[in-house]
Protein backbone atom coordinates (compact mmCIF):
# COMPACT_ATOMS: atom_id res chain seq x y z
CA MET A 1 -87.46 252.51 109.59
CA LYS A 2 -85.94 255.77 110.76
CA LYS A 3 -82.22 255.43 111.30
CA ILE A 4 -79.11 257.48 110.60
CA TYR A 5 -75.57 256.15 110.36
CA TYR A 6 -73.19 259.05 110.95
CA LEU A 7 -69.93 260.11 112.56
CA LYS A 8 -70.31 262.48 115.48
CA THR A 9 -66.93 264.06 114.84
CA CYS A 10 -67.88 264.90 111.22
CA ASP A 11 -68.88 268.56 110.82
CA THR A 12 -70.86 267.77 107.68
CA CYS A 13 -72.88 265.09 109.47
CA LYS A 14 -73.48 267.50 112.35
CA ARG A 15 -74.68 270.20 109.92
CA ILE A 16 -77.09 267.80 108.25
CA LEU A 17 -78.43 266.39 111.51
CA ASN A 18 -79.09 269.91 112.74
CA GLN A 19 -81.38 270.51 109.77
CA ILE A 20 -83.64 267.54 110.57
CA ASP A 21 -86.86 268.32 112.33
CA ASN A 22 -87.82 265.84 115.05
CA LEU A 23 -84.37 264.23 115.07
CA GLU A 24 -85.43 262.33 118.20
CA GLN A 25 -87.64 260.11 116.03
CA PHE A 26 -84.49 258.58 114.48
CA GLU A 27 -82.25 255.89 115.83
CA LEU A 28 -78.72 257.32 115.58
CA GLN A 29 -75.66 255.09 115.20
CA ASP A 30 -72.22 256.66 115.48
CA ILE A 31 -70.26 254.36 113.20
CA LYS A 32 -66.98 254.93 115.10
CA GLU A 33 -68.49 253.89 118.44
CA LYS A 34 -70.60 251.06 117.07
CA SER A 35 -69.30 249.58 113.82
CA ILE A 36 -71.73 248.67 111.09
CA THR A 37 -72.42 244.97 110.82
CA VAL A 38 -72.40 242.83 107.69
CA LYS A 39 -76.17 242.66 107.95
CA GLN A 40 -76.53 246.45 108.16
CA LEU A 41 -74.19 246.96 105.19
CA GLU A 42 -76.11 244.32 103.16
CA GLU A 43 -79.35 246.19 104.01
CA MET A 44 -77.78 249.39 102.65
CA TYR A 45 -76.61 247.47 99.55
CA ALA A 46 -80.20 246.28 98.93
CA HIS A 47 -81.17 249.92 98.34
CA THR A 48 -78.23 250.86 96.07
CA ASN A 49 -77.12 247.54 94.50
CA SER A 50 -73.61 249.03 94.71
CA TYR A 51 -71.01 248.98 97.46
CA GLU A 52 -69.14 251.61 95.46
CA LYS A 53 -72.03 254.09 96.02
CA LEU A 54 -71.72 253.43 99.77
CA PHE A 55 -67.90 253.92 99.70
CA SER A 56 -66.36 257.30 100.44
CA LYS A 57 -63.60 258.21 98.03
CA ARG A 58 -62.99 261.31 100.11
CA ALA A 59 -61.73 259.19 103.05
CA LYS A 60 -58.16 260.03 104.10
CA LEU A 61 -57.24 256.33 104.06
CA TYR A 62 -58.38 256.04 100.46
CA LYS A 63 -55.54 258.30 99.37
CA GLU A 64 -53.04 257.17 102.06
CA ARG A 65 -53.34 253.53 100.98
CA GLY A 66 -53.14 254.37 97.29
CA LEU A 67 -56.56 252.88 96.65
CA LYS A 68 -57.35 255.68 94.21
CA ASP A 69 -54.74 254.15 91.87
CA GLU A 70 -56.26 250.70 92.06
CA VAL A 71 -59.21 249.14 90.31
CA LEU A 72 -61.51 248.03 93.11
CA SER A 73 -64.25 245.38 92.82
CA GLU A 74 -67.62 245.52 94.57
CA ASN A 75 -66.21 242.97 97.07
CA ASP A 76 -63.25 245.20 97.74
CA TYR A 77 -65.52 248.19 98.49
CA LYS A 78 -67.58 246.03 100.84
CA ASN A 79 -64.56 244.74 102.69
CA TYR A 80 -63.01 248.20 103.10
CA ILE A 81 -66.28 249.62 104.45
CA LEU A 82 -66.45 246.80 107.01
CA GLU A 83 -62.76 247.18 107.84
CA HIS A 84 -62.81 250.88 108.72
CA TYR A 85 -65.67 253.25 109.45
CA THR A 86 -64.20 256.16 107.44
CA PHE A 87 -64.85 254.30 104.23
CA LEU A 88 -68.63 254.57 104.58
CA ASN A 89 -70.08 257.48 102.66
CA ARG A 90 -72.00 259.31 105.32
CA PRO A 91 -74.45 260.07 106.58
CA VAL A 92 -76.69 257.19 105.58
CA ILE A 93 -80.26 258.09 106.29
CA PHE A 94 -83.10 255.56 106.33
CA TYR A 95 -86.53 257.16 106.35
CA LYS A 96 -89.54 254.97 105.81
CA ASP A 97 -88.75 252.90 102.68
CA LYS A 98 -86.08 255.29 101.31
CA MET A 99 -82.36 255.53 101.88
CA PHE A 100 -80.19 258.60 101.31
CA VAL A 101 -76.42 258.28 101.14
CA GLY A 102 -73.76 260.92 101.56
CA SER A 103 -73.64 264.67 101.75
CA SER A 104 -74.17 265.66 98.12
CA LYS A 105 -76.47 268.65 97.75
CA ASN A 106 -79.12 266.56 95.87
CA SER A 107 -79.14 263.69 98.40
CA VAL A 108 -79.37 266.05 101.40
CA GLU A 109 -82.08 268.18 99.83
CA GLU A 110 -84.14 265.16 98.87
CA ALA A 111 -83.80 263.69 102.39
CA LEU A 112 -84.70 266.94 104.13
CA ASN A 113 -87.67 267.58 101.86
CA MET A 114 -89.08 264.16 102.66
CA ILE A 115 -88.33 264.18 106.41
CA ASN A 116 -89.26 267.80 107.21
CA THR A 117 -92.66 267.85 105.52
């Protein structure tokens, strides 16, 4: 599978997508325009075994709602991601049998090294 979940208004997502050779080979899903489904989120979970790893603690709503001061369960993370697109740590890149989550330097480098070779 070659798919990328991203946000087209996110400068970081745009920067990462611009570094991918043959981007047209990927199915792109803007998570604001087309929300992720339970099935899609569960597929992501199958690669990480953690909804927390898929959750963005940099989301504006995370601070606004005071979630940083709460102890969240895996189920809480799952429900928040399904509730609002900004809670998904993005981009999420599926390439062949691998999945890369977020914009950390290591994750992006690993994804680009695999995709662009």
